[in-house]
Amino acid sequence: MLINKQEDEKSTLKLIYPTSDYIQNQTKAGPEYANPLFLRKQQFENPKFPKNIFYKYQGSNYYFWHAGNIPHLKVIIITSLDEKIDDKTSIYIGSHNFSQAAWGKLEKNATQLFISNTELGVLYPPKKDSAKFKQQIIEQLSFKFPPDKYEKTDQPWISEVYYEQLI
């Protein structure tokens, strides 16, 4: 996921991803169970990597039993800029990892899409009188929405960094 600096500054994309502090100090299971979170150190340290899109994974305000879990869900929420859930909101919940294998690769001058994995998802598109239902979906998710931006001192969870510190 590389984008140029101008696109990076205009981006309204928000990637909700746990901080290293969250995984090490706030989860019930602990770092040993966070390996499915596959952000790599080399990717994150790339100067073109869009670090400004990272937002904190935090437990939902609606259900206390979501606190301390290690996330592995894939959700896309498309709202207006005010992040209010309304009839125009789209919600996608699926099994797709954030990878080329899952989402595909354009080939032959972008006339063909090659997908190497079969994934499944559910889309709740814009629909009249759907705001209340969509708000209920959001409230059932295990994370706080809208999310809080990473602070300057926050670092994303990267398994290899954690294991390097143990050596």
Foldseek 3Di string as FASTA:
>chain_A
DFDDPVCLVVDPAADAFAFQCLQDPWAPVHLVPQVVPADAPVLVPPPRRSLQRYFYFAFAPQDPVLTRHHDDWDKDWDDPSVQQQDLQIKIKTWNADPDCQRPFDQDDVNPDTDHNDDMDMDMDHRDPPCRVVVVVVVNPDGGYPPTGTDDPPTHGDHSVVVVVVVD
